[in-house]
Amino acid sequence: MRVQTVARKCDVPAPVLTRATEQLQKLSRFDPSLQSAEIIFEAEGHRKSVEAILIREGATPAVARGQDTEFRPALDQMLERMRRILTRGRSQVTDHRGPRIADVVDSERRPEASVE
């Protein structure tokens, strides 16, 4: 997955940049259709924000944002939100299926024993 970083009106420490890149690479385990990511670091006054946009194949982009007084906590907040977005989307894809037809047919054929 290709990861692009952008720093707007700020200087981001190198360890934070490497952590952001590594953690976004690991998010591909939640959604294998991830193609690329863009991380935007921004500072306004005492507020620092980190925003990530993940491009997925055949789906709308996933966007998460984190804000704090430092970049590291803002990055952690953004990563947690992104994990929730990706796992929620993954569970929606797999949980929409109904019961197997064989199970439904078997339950109709076998009447349940009544308890007297």
Protein backbone atom coordinates (compact mmCIF):
# COMPACT_ATOMS: atom_id res chain seq x y z
CA MET A 1 0.00 0.00 0.00
CA ARG A 2 1.29 3.44 -0.92
CA VAL A 3 1.36 5.94 1.96
CA GLN A 4 1.74 9.68 1.33
CA THR A 5 2.32 12.17 4.15
CA VAL A 6 1.56 15.88 4.12
CA ALA A 7 2.53 18.44 6.81
CA ARG A 8 0.60 21.71 6.75
CA LYS A 9 2.05 24.67 8.66
CA CYS A 10 4.09 22.43 10.96
CA ASP A 11 7.16 20.29 11.43
CA VAL A 12 6.40 16.68 12.30
CA PRO A 13 9.03 14.68 14.26
CA ALA A 14 10.57 11.79 12.32
CA PRO A 15 9.52 9.10 14.85
CA VAL A 16 5.89 10.19 14.51
CA LEU A 17 6.11 9.98 10.71
CA THR A 18 7.59 6.48 10.78
CA ARG A 19 5.01 5.29 13.35
CA ALA A 20 2.18 6.69 11.24
CA THR A 21 3.44 4.93 8.12
CA GLU A 22 3.98 1.61 9.90
CA GLN A 23 0.59 1.66 11.63
CA LEU A 24 -1.28 2.51 8.43
CA GLN A 25 0.48 -0.36 6.66
CA LYS A 26 -0.83 -2.68 9.39
CA LEU A 27 -4.43 -1.58 8.78
CA SER A 28 -4.49 -3.67 5.60
CA ARG A 29 -5.24 -6.72 7.79
CA PHE A 30 -8.69 -5.23 8.51
CA ASP A 31 -9.47 -4.52 4.86
CA PRO A 32 -7.40 -6.22 2.14
CA SER A 33 -8.83 -3.91 -0.54
CA LEU A 34 -6.81 -0.90 0.70
CA GLN A 35 -4.87 0.67 -2.16
CA SER A 36 -3.34 3.87 -0.80
CA ALA A 37 -3.35 6.20 2.17
CA GLU A 38 -2.79 9.89 2.75
CA ILE A 39 -1.88 11.27 6.18
CA ILE A 40 -2.30 14.98 6.79
CA PHE A 41 -0.58 16.59 9.80
CA GLU A 42 -1.79 20.07 10.66
CA ALA A 43 -1.10 22.52 13.48
CA GLU A 44 -3.26 25.50 14.40
CA GLY A 45 -2.16 27.28 17.53
CA HIS A 46 -1.90 24.73 20.35
CA ARG A 47 -4.12 22.21 18.57
CA LYS A 48 -2.50 19.53 16.45
CA SER A 49 -4.56 17.29 14.19
CA VAL A 50 -3.89 14.19 12.16
CA GLU A 51 -6.23 13.11 9.38
CA ALA A 52 -6.01 9.96 7.27
CA ILE A 53 -7.79 9.13 4.04
CA LEU A 54 -7.71 5.48 2.97
CA ILE A 55 -8.58 4.64 -0.61
CA ARG A 56 -10.32 1.27 -0.96
CA GLU A 57 -10.95 -0.66 -4.15
CA GLY A 58 -14.64 -0.62 -5.03
CA ALA A 59 -15.70 1.35 -1.94
CA THR A 60 -15.87 4.90 -0.69
CA PRO A 61 -12.73 6.28 0.97
CA ALA A 62 -12.44 5.92 4.73
CA VAL A 63 -11.63 9.17 6.57
CA ALA A 64 -10.66 9.54 10.23
CA ARG A 65 -9.32 12.47 12.22
CA GLY A 66 -7.67 12.88 15.62
CA GLN A 67 -6.93 16.07 17.57
CA ASP A 68 -4.81 16.72 20.64
CA THR A 69 -2.10 19.03 21.95
CA GLU A 70 0.64 16.76 20.53
CA PHE A 71 0.94 14.74 17.32
CA ARG A 72 1.46 11.34 18.97
CA PRO A 73 -1.86 11.22 20.90
CA ALA A 74 -3.68 12.70 17.90
CA LEU A 75 -2.18 9.95 15.71
CA ASP A 76 -3.25 7.23 18.17
CA GLN A 77 -6.77 8.65 18.30
CA MET A 78 -7.00 8.72 14.50
CA LEU A 79 -5.71 5.14 14.21
CA GLU A 80 -8.27 3.85 16.71
CA ARG A 81 -11.09 5.55 14.82
CA MET A 82 -9.82 4.14 11.53
CA ARG A 83 -9.69 0.62 13.01
CA ARG A 84 -13.31 0.98 14.13
CA ILE A 85 -14.39 2.18 10.70
CA LEU A 86 -12.65 -0.69 8.92
CA THR A 87 -13.84 -3.42 11.31
CA ARG A 88 -17.41 -2.10 11.19
CA GLY A 89 -17.35 -2.17 7.40
CA ARG A 90 -15.90 -5.67 7.41
CA SER A 91 -18.57 -6.99 9.80
CA GLN A 92 -21.34 -5.45 7.70
CA VAL A 93 -20.09 -7.35 4.68
CA THR A 94 -19.98 -10.72 6.46
CA ASP A 95 -23.02 -10.44 8.79
CA HIS A 96 -25.71 -9.75 6.18
CA ARG A 97 -26.08 -13.37 5.17
CA GLY A 98 -29.08 -15.39 6.32
CA PRO A 99 -29.10 -18.94 7.62
CA ARG A 100 -28.01 -21.78 5.38
CA ILE A 101 -30.81 -23.32 3.32
CA ALA A 102 -29.91 -26.82 4.52
CA ASP A 103 -30.44 -25.77 8.14
CA VAL A 104 -33.84 -24.24 7.35
CA VAL A 105 -35.01 -27.34 5.42
CA ASP A 106 -33.85 -29.69 8.19
CA SER A 107 -35.69 -27.72 10.86
CA GLU A 108 -38.92 -27.83 8.81
CA ARG A 109 -38.68 -31.58 8.27
CA ARG A 110 -38.02 -32.45 11.91
CA PRO A 111 -40.75 -31.22 14.22
CA GLU A 112 -39.38 -30.31 17.60
CA ALA A 113 -40.36 -32.57 20.43
CA SER A 114 -42.89 -30.98 22.73
CA VAL A 115 -42.19 -31.05 26.40
CA GLU A 116 -45.13 -32.27 28.49
